Amino acid sequence: MSKYEMTVTQEVEDYLDEIAEEMVGLFGIPTAEAVARINYEWRDQSFEEEDDLIFHELPEHWAYVLYYSGTVPYWDPEADRTRWSIRNAPPAGDTAWTLH
């Protein structure tokens, strides 16, 4: 059984793992929280196609999208990161928390 709540191919699961690893490395959050953030935001998605849109962006891009609210120009070294707002982690007890 996958740690991800959505339907995924092995290729997509590996890619989601890369996104989770980016969040862990960039933001210092536990893997369980990174996986929960992915599940919470994308649980209603189905990633079964080999050319799914998820692959059109790097894992780093998705890490920032899932961790921060709003538009975050993470690639811009001049960006004022003090104004970026961190999304709340999924609520405790939510099914998104598949790892402990």
Protein backbone atom coordinates (compact mmCIF):
# COMPACT_ATOMS: atom_id res chain seq x y z
CA MET A 1 0.00 0.00 0.00
CA SER A 2 1.29 3.43 -0.95
CA LYS A 3 1.81 6.27 1.51
CA TYR A 4 -0.01 8.46 -1.01
CA GLU A 5 -3.80 8.67 -0.96
CA MET A 6 -4.23 9.29 -4.68
CA THR A 7 -3.95 6.78 -7.49
CA VAL A 8 -0.38 6.82 -8.79
CA THR A 9 1.90 4.82 -11.03
CA GLN A 10 5.30 3.78 -9.66
CA GLU A 11 6.90 6.56 -11.70
CA VAL A 12 4.61 9.15 -10.09
CA GLU A 13 5.15 7.70 -6.61
CA ASP A 14 8.90 8.05 -7.11
CA TYR A 15 8.39 11.65 -8.26
CA LEU A 16 6.20 12.44 -5.25
CA ASP A 17 8.96 11.01 -3.06
CA GLU A 18 11.37 13.47 -4.71
CA ILE A 19 8.98 16.35 -3.93
CA ALA A 20 8.74 15.20 -0.30
CA GLU A 21 12.54 14.98 -0.09
CA GLU A 22 12.81 18.54 -1.43
CA MET A 23 10.45 19.80 1.30
CA VAL A 24 12.44 17.98 3.96
CA GLY A 25 15.72 19.40 2.67
CA LEU A 26 14.52 22.94 1.96
CA PHE A 27 12.25 23.56 4.93
CA GLY A 28 13.46 21.12 7.58
CA ILE A 29 10.11 19.42 8.04
CA PRO A 30 9.71 15.71 8.78
CA THR A 31 9.03 13.31 5.92
CA ALA A 32 5.64 12.50 7.48
CA GLU A 33 4.61 16.15 7.18
CA ALA A 34 5.89 16.45 3.62
CA VAL A 35 3.88 13.38 2.57
CA ALA A 36 0.83 14.70 4.44
CA ARG A 37 1.08 18.03 2.59
CA ILE A 38 1.17 16.19 -0.75
CA ASN A 39 -1.79 14.01 0.23
CA TYR A 40 -3.81 16.92 1.57
CA GLU A 41 -3.42 19.06 -1.54
CA TRP A 42 -3.62 16.35 -4.18
CA ARG A 43 -5.70 13.55 -2.66
CA ASP A 44 -8.49 14.07 -5.19
CA GLN A 45 -6.10 13.90 -8.15
CA SER A 46 -5.29 10.87 -10.24
CA PHE A 47 -1.73 10.62 -11.50
CA GLU A 48 -1.88 7.64 -13.84
CA GLU A 49 -0.59 9.05 -17.10
CA GLU A 50 3.07 8.80 -18.05
CA ASP A 51 3.02 12.38 -19.35
CA ASP A 52 1.04 13.86 -16.48
CA LEU A 53 1.36 17.61 -15.97
CA ILE A 54 3.08 17.04 -12.63
CA PHE A 55 6.23 16.18 -14.59
CA HIS A 56 6.24 19.57 -16.32
CA GLU A 57 7.77 21.17 -13.24
CA LEU A 58 10.75 20.23 -11.09
CA PRO A 59 10.23 18.70 -7.64
CA GLU A 60 11.65 21.91 -6.14
CA HIS A 61 8.83 23.91 -7.76
CA TRP A 62 6.16 21.65 -6.26
CA ALA A 63 7.89 21.72 -2.86
CA TYR A 64 7.51 25.50 -2.74
CA VAL A 65 3.93 25.38 -4.06
CA LEU A 66 2.92 22.88 -1.38
CA TYR A 67 4.74 24.59 1.48
CA TYR A 68 3.94 28.27 0.90
CA SER A 69 0.67 30.09 0.21
CA GLY A 70 0.19 32.29 -2.81
CA THR A 71 2.64 32.98 -5.60
CA VAL A 72 6.21 32.37 -4.52
CA PRO A 73 8.98 33.35 -6.95
CA TYR A 74 11.41 30.88 -5.35
CA TRP A 75 13.79 31.07 -8.32
CA ASP A 76 14.31 34.82 -7.84
CA PRO A 77 17.30 35.48 -5.56
CA GLU A 78 16.02 39.04 -5.03
CA ALA A 79 12.59 37.89 -3.80
CA ASP A 80 11.55 39.23 -0.39
CA ARG A 81 11.09 35.92 1.40
CA THR A 82 10.02 37.61 4.64
CA ARG A 83 6.57 38.16 3.13
CA TRP A 84 6.03 34.53 2.21
CA SER A 85 3.37 32.78 4.23
CA ILE A 86 3.77 29.13 5.20
CA ARG A 87 0.67 27.02 4.70
CA ASN A 88 -0.59 25.24 7.77
CA ALA A 89 0.24 21.56 7.87
CA PRO A 90 -2.79 19.29 7.48
CA PRO A 91 -4.81 19.00 10.69
CA ALA A 92 -3.83 16.28 13.14
CA GLY A 93 -5.93 13.19 12.63
CA ASP A 94 -6.55 13.94 8.94
CA THR A 95 -6.15 10.92 6.67
CA ALA A 96 -3.36 12.79 4.85
CA TRP A 97 -1.04 11.69 7.68
CA THR A 98 -0.17 8.23 6.40
CA LEU A 99 3.32 8.16 7.97
CA HIS A 100 4.07 8.56 11.64
